[in-house]
C-alpha atoms as a PDB file:
ATOM      1  CA  MET A   1      99.332 131.506  96.899  1.00  0.00           C
ATOM      2  CA  THR A   2     101.723 129.335  94.878  1.00  0.00           C
ATOM      3  CA  ILE A   3     100.211 126.961  92.322  1.00  0.00           C
ATOM      4  CA  TYR A   4     102.632 124.113  91.690  1.00  0.00           C
ATOM      5  CA  ARG A   5     103.413 122.739  88.235  1.00  0.00           C
ATOM      6  CA  LEU A   6     103.693 118.952  88.030  1.00  0.00           C
ATOM      7  CA  PHE A   7     106.209 117.110  85.912  1.00  0.00           C
ATOM      8  CA  ASP A   8     106.957 113.421  85.246  1.00  0.00           C
ATOM      9  CA  ASP A   9     107.114 112.019  88.768  1.00  0.00           C
ATOM     10  CA  PRO A  10     103.680 111.326  90.324  1.00  0.00           C
ATOM     11  CA  VAL A  11     104.451 113.465  93.366  1.00  0.00           C
ATOM     12  CA  PHE A  12     102.183 116.171  94.756  1.00  0.00           C
ATOM     13  CA  PRO A  13     102.833 119.121  97.062  1.00  0.00           C
ATOM     14  CA  ASP A  14     101.329 119.249 100.532  1.00  0.00           C
ATOM     15  CA  PRO A  15      97.558 119.834 100.206  1.00  0.00           C
ATOM     16  CA  ALA A  16      97.907 122.562 102.836  1.00  0.00           C
ATOM     17  CA  GLU A  17      99.582 124.617 100.098  1.00  0.00           C
ATOM     18  CA  ALA A  18      96.338 124.803  98.056  1.00  0.00           C
ATOM     19  CA  ASP A  19      94.836 128.211  97.357  1.00  0.00           C
ATOM     20  CA  PRO A  20      91.611 129.278  99.157  1.00  0.00           C
ATOM     21  CA  ASP A  21      89.459 127.616  96.461  1.00  0.00           C
ATOM     22  CA  GLY A  22      91.387 124.362  96.800  1.00  0.00           C
ATOM     23  CA  LEU A  23      93.523 124.583  93.647  1.00  0.00           C
ATOM     24  CA  LEU A  24      96.863 122.943  94.397  1.00  0.00           C
ATOM     25  CA  ALA A  25      98.720 122.090  91.194  1.00  0.00           C
ATOM     26  CA  ILE A  26      98.629 122.183  87.407  1.00  0.00           C
ATOM     27  CA  GLY A  27      99.900 119.830  84.723  1.00  0.00           C
ATOM     28  CA  GLY A  28     101.146 116.277  84.878  1.00  0.00           C
ATOM     29  CA  ASP A  29      99.092 113.452  83.416  1.00  0.00           C
ATOM     30  CA  LEU A  30      96.208 111.111  84.218  1.00  0.00           C
ATOM     31  CA  SER A  31      98.208 107.896  84.475  1.00  0.00           C
ATOM     32  CA  PRO A  32      97.010 105.320  87.014  1.00  0.00           C
ATOM     33  CA  ARG A  33     100.116 105.938  89.150  1.00  0.00           C
ATOM     34  CA  ARG A  34      99.445 109.652  89.365  1.00  0.00           C
ATOM     35  CA  LEU A  35      95.713 109.279  89.963  1.00  0.00           C
ATOM     36  CA  VAL A  36      96.265 106.781  92.774  1.00  0.00           C
ATOM     37  CA  ALA A  37      98.881 109.071  94.327  1.00  0.00           C
ATOM     38  CA  ALA A  38      96.447 111.976  94.056  1.00  0.00           C
ATOM     39  CA  TYR A  39      93.490 110.240  95.689  1.00  0.00           C
ATOM     40  CA  ALA A  40      95.693 108.762  98.402  1.00  0.00           C
ATOM     41  CA  GLY A  41      96.775 112.328  99.185  1.00  0.00           C
ATOM     42  CA  GLY A  42      93.274 113.789  99.225  1.00  0.00           C
ATOM     43  CA  ILE A  43      93.654 115.378  95.775  1.00  0.00           C
ATOM     44  CA  PHE A  44      91.552 115.014  92.619  1.00  0.00           C
ATOM     45  CA  PRO A  45      91.617 116.347  89.024  1.00  0.00           C
ATOM     46  CA  TRP A  46      88.938 118.718  87.763  1.00  0.00           C
ATOM     47  CA  TYR A  47      89.290 120.807  84.625  1.00  0.00           C
ATOM     48  CA  SER A  48      87.664 121.643  81.288  1.00  0.00           C
ATOM     49  CA  GLU A  49      88.560 120.591  77.758  1.00  0.00           C
ATOM     50  CA  ARG A  50      90.290 123.903  77.015  1.00  0.00           C
ATOM     51  CA  SER A  51      92.289 123.854  80.243  1.00  0.00           C
ATOM     52  CA  PRO A  52      95.426 122.090  81.438  1.00  0.00           C
ATOM     53  CA  ILE A  53      94.918 119.424  84.095  1.00  0.00           C
ATOM     54  CA  LEU A  54      94.081 121.089  87.413  1.00  0.00           C
ATOM     55  CA  TRP A  55      94.443 119.315  90.777  1.00  0.00           C
ATOM     56  CA  TRP A  56      92.322 120.239  93.790  1.00  0.00           C
ATOM     57  CA  SER A  57      92.172 119.658  97.536  1.00  0.00           C
ATOM     58  CA  PRO A  58      89.343 121.816  98.930  1.00  0.00           C
ATOM     59  CA  ASP A  59      88.925 122.861 102.533  1.00  0.00           C
ATOM     60  CA  PRO A  60      86.388 122.157 103.926  1.00  0.00           C
ATOM     61  CA  ARG A  61      85.651 118.779 102.339  1.00  0.00           C
ATOM     62  CA  LEU A  62      82.163 117.321 102.048  1.00  0.00           C
ATOM     63  CA  VAL A  63      81.947 113.695 103.186  1.00  0.00           C
ATOM     64  CA  LEU A  64      79.211 111.179 103.818  1.00  0.00           C
ATOM     65  CA  GLU A  65      79.617 108.458 106.417  1.00  0.00           C
ATOM     66  CA  PRO A  66      77.572 105.489 105.148  1.00  0.00           C
ATOM     67  CA  SER A  67      76.225 104.854 108.639  1.00  0.00           C
ATOM     68  CA  GLN A  68      74.857 108.421 108.750  1.00  0.00           C
ATOM     69  CA  LEU A  69      72.930 108.235 105.470  1.00  0.00           C
ATOM     70  CA  HIS A  70      69.506 109.908 105.637  1.00  0.00           C
ATOM     71  CA  VAL A  71      66.831 108.445 103.351  1.00  0.00           C
ATOM     72  CA  PRO A  72      63.623 110.496 102.919  1.00  0.00           C
ATOM     73  CA  LYS A  73      60.369 108.575 103.343  1.00  0.00           C
ATOM     74  CA  SER A  74      59.312 109.344  99.773  1.00  0.00           C
ATOM     75  CA  LEU A  75      62.511 107.760  98.468  1.00  0.00           C
ATOM     76  CA  LYS A  76      62.022 104.718 100.682  1.00  0.00           C
ATOM     77  CA  ARG A  77      58.693 104.182  98.935  1.00  0.00           C
ATOM     78  CA  VAL A  78      60.423 104.343  95.553  1.00  0.00           C
ATOM     79  CA  LEU A  79      63.053 101.833  96.655  1.00  0.00           C
ATOM     80  CA  ASN A  80      60.432  99.480  98.087  1.00  0.00           C
ATOM     81  CA  SER A  81      58.343  99.621  94.900  1.00  0.00           C
ATOM     82  CA  GLY A  82      60.748  97.407  92.989  1.00  0.00           C
ATOM     83  CA  ARG A  83      60.930  99.923  90.159  1.00  0.00           C
ATOM     84  CA  PHE A  84      64.725  99.909  90.039  1.00  0.00           C
ATOM     85  CA  ARG A  85      67.192  97.027  89.749  1.00  0.00           C
ATOM     86  CA  PHE A  86      70.636  97.659  91.271  1.00  0.00           C
ATOM     87  CA  SER A  87      73.974  96.471  89.877  1.00  0.00           C
ATOM     88  CA  LEU A  88      77.681  97.082  90.378  1.00  0.00           C
ATOM     89  CA  ASP A  89      80.527  97.329  87.846  1.00  0.00           C
ATOM     90  CA  THR A  90      78.365  96.105  84.977  1.00  0.00           C
ATOM     91  CA  ALA A  91      78.163  99.270  82.849  1.00  0.00           C
ATOM     92  CA  PHE A  92      81.109 101.512  83.745  1.00  0.00           C
ATOM     93  CA  PRO A  93      81.594 102.894  80.195  1.00  0.00           C
ATOM     94  CA  LEU A  94      77.896 103.723  79.922  1.00  0.00           C
ATOM     95  CA  VAL A  95      77.799 105.395  83.337  1.00  0.00           C
ATOM     96  CA  ILE A  96      80.843 107.611  82.889  1.00  0.00           C
ATOM     97  CA  ARG A  97      79.682 108.718  79.443  1.00  0.00           C
ATOM     98  CA  ALA A  98      76.181 109.425  80.709  1.00  0.00           C
ATOM     99  CA  CYS A  99      77.694 111.506  83.525  1.00  0.00           C
ATOM    100  CA  ALA A 100      79.686 113.430  80.909  1.00  0.00           C
ATOM    101  CA  HIS A 101      76.828 114.054  78.489  1.00  0.00           C
ATOM    102  CA  THR A 102      73.773 114.551  80.705  1.00  0.00           C
ATOM    103  CA  PRO A 103      72.900 118.288  80.822  1.00  0.00           C
ATOM    104  CA  ARG A 104      73.076 119.886  84.274  1.00  0.00           C
ATOM    105  CA  PRO A 105      71.366 123.113  85.357  1.00  0.00           C
ATOM    106  CA  GLY A 106      73.808 125.993  85.553  1.00  0.00           C
ATOM    107  CA  GLN A 107      76.630 124.132  83.796  1.00  0.00           C
ATOM    108  CA  ASP A 108      77.938 124.810  80.309  1.00  0.00           C
ATOM    109  CA  GLY A 109      79.821 121.775  79.073  1.00  0.00           C
ATOM    110  CA  THR A 110      81.466 119.060  81.157  1.00  0.00           C
ATOM    111  CA  TRP A 111      84.637 118.476  83.092  1.00  0.00           C
ATOM    112  CA  ILE A 112      84.521 114.759  82.184  1.00  0.00           C
ATOM    113  CA  VAL A 113      86.542 115.295  79.020  1.00  0.00           C
ATOM    114  CA  PRO A 114      87.635 112.419  76.724  1.00  0.00           C
ATOM    115  CA  ASP A 115      91.033 112.067  78.417  1.00  0.00           C
ATOM    116  CA  MET A 116      89.282 111.751  81.785  1.00  0.00           C
ATOM    117  CA  ILE A 117      87.002 109.035  80.437  1.00  0.00           C
ATOM    118  CA  THR A 118      90.000 107.070  79.157  1.00  0.00           C
ATOM    119  CA  ALA A 119      91.881 107.527  82.425  1.00  0.00           C
ATOM    120  CA  TYR A 120      89.040 106.288  84.625  1.00  0.00           C
ATOM    121  CA  GLU A 121      88.299 103.389  82.307  1.00  0.00           C
ATOM    122  CA  ASN A 122      91.948 102.406  82.801  1.00  0.00           C
ATOM    123  CA  LEU A 123      91.449 102.601  86.569  1.00  0.00           C
ATOM    124  CA  HIS A 124      88.291 100.517  86.217  1.00  0.00           C
ATOM    125  CA  ALA A 125      90.252  97.831  84.354  1.00  0.00           C
ATOM    126  CA  LEU A 126      92.671  97.779  87.311  1.00  0.00           C
ATOM    127  CA  GLY A 127      89.840  97.355  89.834  1.00  0.00           C
ATOM    128  CA  LEU A 128      90.275 100.843  91.275  1.00  0.00           C
ATOM    129  CA  ALA A 129      87.381 102.737  89.680  1.00  0.00           C
ATOM    130  CA  HIS A 130      83.828 101.442  89.992  1.00  0.00           C
ATOM    131  CA  SER A 131      80.288 102.116  88.927  1.00  0.00           C
ATOM    132  CA  ALA A 132      76.900 101.495  90.494  1.00  0.00           C
ATOM    133  CA  GLU A 133      73.822 101.388  88.305  1.00  0.00           C
ATOM    134  CA  VAL A 134      70.046 101.352  88.592  1.00  0.00           C
ATOM    135  CA  TRP A 135      67.948  99.943  85.764  1.00  0.00           C
ATOM    136  CA  ASN A 136      64.296 100.195  84.854  1.00  0.00           C
ATOM    137  CA  GLY A 137      63.903  96.948  82.982  1.00  0.00           C
ATOM    138  CA  ASP A 138      66.809  96.886  80.548  1.00  0.00           C
ATOM    139  CA  VAL A 139      67.174 100.670  80.462  1.00  0.00           C
ATOM    140  CA  LEU A 140      69.956 102.368  82.434  1.00  0.00           C
ATOM    141  CA  ALA A 141      68.048 104.863  84.578  1.00  0.00           C
ATOM    142  CA  GLY A 142      70.882 106.270  86.680  1.00  0.00           C
ATOM    143  CA  GLY A 143      74.380 105.656  87.907  1.00  0.00           C
ATOM    144  CA  ILE A 144      77.402 106.836  89.838  1.00  0.00           C
ATOM    145  CA  TYR A 145      81.116 106.234  89.396  1.00  0.00           C
ATOM    146  CA  GLY A 146      84.178 106.880  91.489  1.00  0.00           C
ATOM    147  CA  VAL A 147      87.450 105.556  92.875  1.00  0.00           C
ATOM    148  CA  ALA A 148      87.950 103.206  95.823  1.00  0.00           C
ATOM    149  CA  LEU A 149      91.097 103.019  97.927  1.00  0.00           C
ATOM    150  CA  GLY A 150      91.252 101.171 101.224  1.00  0.00           C
ATOM    151  CA  SER A 151      87.896 101.689 102.892  1.00  0.00           C
ATOM    152  CA  VAL A 152      87.210 105.059 101.234  1.00  0.00           C
ATOM    153  CA  PHE A 153      85.060 105.676  98.152  1.00  0.00           C
ATOM    154  CA  PHE A 154      85.691 108.899  96.236  1.00  0.00           C
ATOM    155  CA  GLY A 155      82.494 109.779  94.396  1.00  0.00           C
ATOM    156  CA  GLU A 156      83.205 111.439  91.064  1.00  0.00           C
ATOM    157  CA  SER A 157      79.858 111.998  89.361  1.00  0.00           C
ATOM    158  CA  MET A 158      76.323 110.673  89.052  1.00  0.00           C
ATOM    159  CA  PHE A 159      73.506 111.020  86.549  1.00  0.00           C
ATOM    160  CA  TYR A 160      69.857 110.186  86.165  1.00  0.00           C
ATOM    161  CA  ALA A 161      67.647 109.592  83.150  1.00  0.00           C
ATOM    162  CA  GLU A 162      64.514 109.046  85.275  1.00  0.00           C
ATOM    163  CA  ASN A 163      63.243 110.856  88.344  1.00  0.00           C
ATOM    164  CA  ASN A 164      64.722 109.563  91.617  1.00  0.00           C
ATOM    165  CA  ALA A 165      67.209 107.295  89.827  1.00  0.00           C
ATOM    166  CA  SER A 166      70.365 109.073  91.018  1.00  0.00           C
ATOM    167  CA  LYS A 167      68.949 109.255  94.549  1.00  0.00           C
ATOM    168  CA  ALA A 168      68.159 105.555  94.446  1.00  0.00           C
ATOM    169  CA  VAL A 169      71.613 104.551  93.228  1.00  0.00           C
ATOM    170  CA  LEU A 170      73.261 106.707  95.911  1.00  0.00           C
ATOM    171  CA  VAL A 171      71.262 105.066  98.702  1.00  0.00           C
ATOM    172  CA  LEU A 172      71.727 101.535  97.390  1.00  0.00           C
ATOM    173  CA  LEU A 173      75.450 102.082  96.910  1.00  0.00           C
ATOM    174  CA  ALA A 174      75.869 103.610 100.368  1.00  0.00           C
ATOM    175  CA  ASP A 175      74.093 100.631 101.926  1.00  0.00           C
ATOM    176  CA  TRP A 176      76.326  98.212 100.047  1.00  0.00           C
ATOM    177  CA  LEU A 177      79.456 100.163 100.998  1.00  0.00           C
ATOM    178  CA  LEU A 178      78.419 100.173 104.654  1.00  0.00           C
ATOM    179  CA  ALA A 179      78.016  96.383 104.589  1.00  0.00           C
ATOM    180  CA  ARG A 180      81.484  96.068 103.052  1.00  0.00           C
ATOM    181  CA  GLY A 181      83.156  98.164 105.768  1.00  0.00           C
ATOM    182  CA  CYS A 182      83.456 101.474 103.924  1.00  0.00           C
ATOM    183  CA  THR A 183      84.293 104.215 106.416  1.00  0.00           C
ATOM    184  CA  LEU A 184      83.918 107.331 104.269  1.00  0.00           C
ATOM    185  CA  ILE A 185      82.406 108.553 100.999  1.00  0.00           C
ATOM    186  CA  ASP A 186      84.200 111.608  99.654  1.00  0.00           C
ATOM    187  CA  CYS A 187      81.732 113.970  97.988  1.00  0.00           C
ATOM    188  CA  GLN A 188      84.462 116.509  97.072  1.00  0.00           C
ATOM    189  CA  GLN A 189      82.251 119.582  96.631  1.00  0.00           C
ATOM    190  CA  THR A 190      79.452 120.789  98.908  1.00  0.00           C
ATOM    191  CA  THR A 191      75.998 120.569  97.321  1.00  0.00           C
ATOM    192  CA  PRO A 192      72.511 120.914  98.839  1.00  0.00           C
ATOM    193  CA  HIS A 193      71.655 117.532  97.287  1.00  0.00           C
ATOM    194  CA  MET A 194      74.304 115.672  99.300  1.00  0.00           C
ATOM    195  CA  LEU A 195      73.640 117.664 102.466  1.00  0.00           C
ATOM    196  CA  ARG A 196      70.050 116.406 102.376  1.00  0.00           C
ATOM    197  CA  PHE A 197      71.366 112.842 102.465  1.00  0.00           C
ATOM    198  CA  GLY A 198      73.408 113.437 105.608  1.00  0.00           C
ATOM    199  CA  ALA A 199      76.744 114.568 104.180  1.00  0.00           C
ATOM    200  CA  ARG A 200      78.691 117.100 106.233  1.00  0.00           C
ATOM    201  CA  GLU A 201      81.706 119.320 105.858  1.00  0.00           C
ATOM    202  CA  ILE A 202      84.932 118.520 107.667  1.00  0.00           C
ATOM    203  CA  SER A 203      88.259 120.325 107.602  1.00  0.00           C
ATOM    204  CA  ARG A 204      90.989 119.244 105.215  1.00  0.00           C
ATOM    205  CA  PRO A 205      93.246 118.069 108.082  1.00  0.00           C
ATOM    206  CA  GLU A 206      90.394 115.946 109.481  1.00  0.00           C
ATOM    207  CA  PHE A 207      89.668 114.545 106.023  1.00  0.00           C
ATOM    208  CA  LEU A 208      93.316 113.630 105.506  1.00  0.00           C
ATOM    209  CA  ARG A 209      93.418 111.993 108.935  1.00  0.00           C
ATOM    210  CA  ARG A 210      90.325 109.913 108.149  1.00  0.00           C
ATOM    211  CA  LEU A 211      91.695 109.081 104.724  1.00  0.00           C
ATOM    212  CA  GLY A 212      94.998 107.917 106.180  1.00  0.00           C
ATOM    213  CA  LEU A 213      93.183 105.535 108.504  1.00  0.00           C
ATOM    214  CA  GLY A 214      90.969 104.277 105.690  1.00  0.00           C
ATOM    215  CA  LEU A 215      93.886 103.467 103.397  1.00  0.00           C
ATOM    216  CA  ASN A 216      95.017 100.807 105.868  1.00  0.00           C
ATOM    217  CA  SER A 217      91.871  98.689 105.350  1.00  0.00           C
ATOM    218  CA  PRO A 218      91.609  97.438 101.731  1.00  0.00           C
ATOM    219  CA  VAL A 219      87.999  96.295 102.078  1.00  0.00           C
ATOM    220  CA  LEU A 220      86.889  97.794  98.742  1.00  0.00           C
ATOM    221  CA  ALA A 221      89.617  96.271  96.558  1.00  0.00           C
ATOM    222  CA  GLY A 222      88.886  94.307  93.396  1.00  0.00           C
ATOM    223  CA  LYS A 223      85.864  94.019  91.155  1.00  0.00           C
ATOM    224  CA  TRP A 224      82.616  94.795  92.941  1.00  0.00           C
ATOM    225  CA  VAL A 225      79.759  92.314  92.989  1.00  0.00           C
ATOM    226  CA  LEU A 226      76.483  92.234  94.874  1.00  0.00           C
ATOM    227  CA  GLY A 227      76.425  90.113  97.992  1.00  0.00           C
ATOM    228  CA  GLY A 228      79.581  91.444  99.638  1.00  0.00           C
ATOM    229  CA  GLY A 229      82.443  89.506  98.039  1.00  0.00           C
ATOM    230  CA  SER A 230      84.871  90.890  95.459  1.00  0.00           C
END
């Protein structure tokens, strides 16, 4: 398979040209123009600090439809307890750094390198990248961040500092996205964790079709606030 090298123009090859693991291209930059072009084409960056920028479009693609979210009974009890307070776009720098620095079983290091943090903070300033947080009192207990285009949310990473916090923020965010008209949450990689919440694999062509439809409905644009408005 051919792996394409990117240059100055924020243009990507056809995702169908990706290798069997989903690797499509190498190089380029993390400018807002290129990142928006990537996500709009079903492509995302994922690489390590000692690697050039790598761009991926896996097939199949794991997605979660907000209307199909499955919430275990035990988690419903946690949510109903009032233990966590939910917020949106109030602590993006804290969330993305916590996602980068929280140890994960089976992982050595992080793909959320300093340049990635800067790039997504730039997207956040433009109203394109967002965070959702859960708090226990004044302590950030868990969070998730990602990119929103049209009616599609591309989940990038989540973390928890307390048991059930990342599960809680996922459910609360999915409920809020559903109320806003979100049609699809892109989970990127298949994990048992997301499968338990109702995510499912679809083919790359089906994902790109759904994405194309979602880009026509800018329901998630702007700064996010609780209550539905932006």
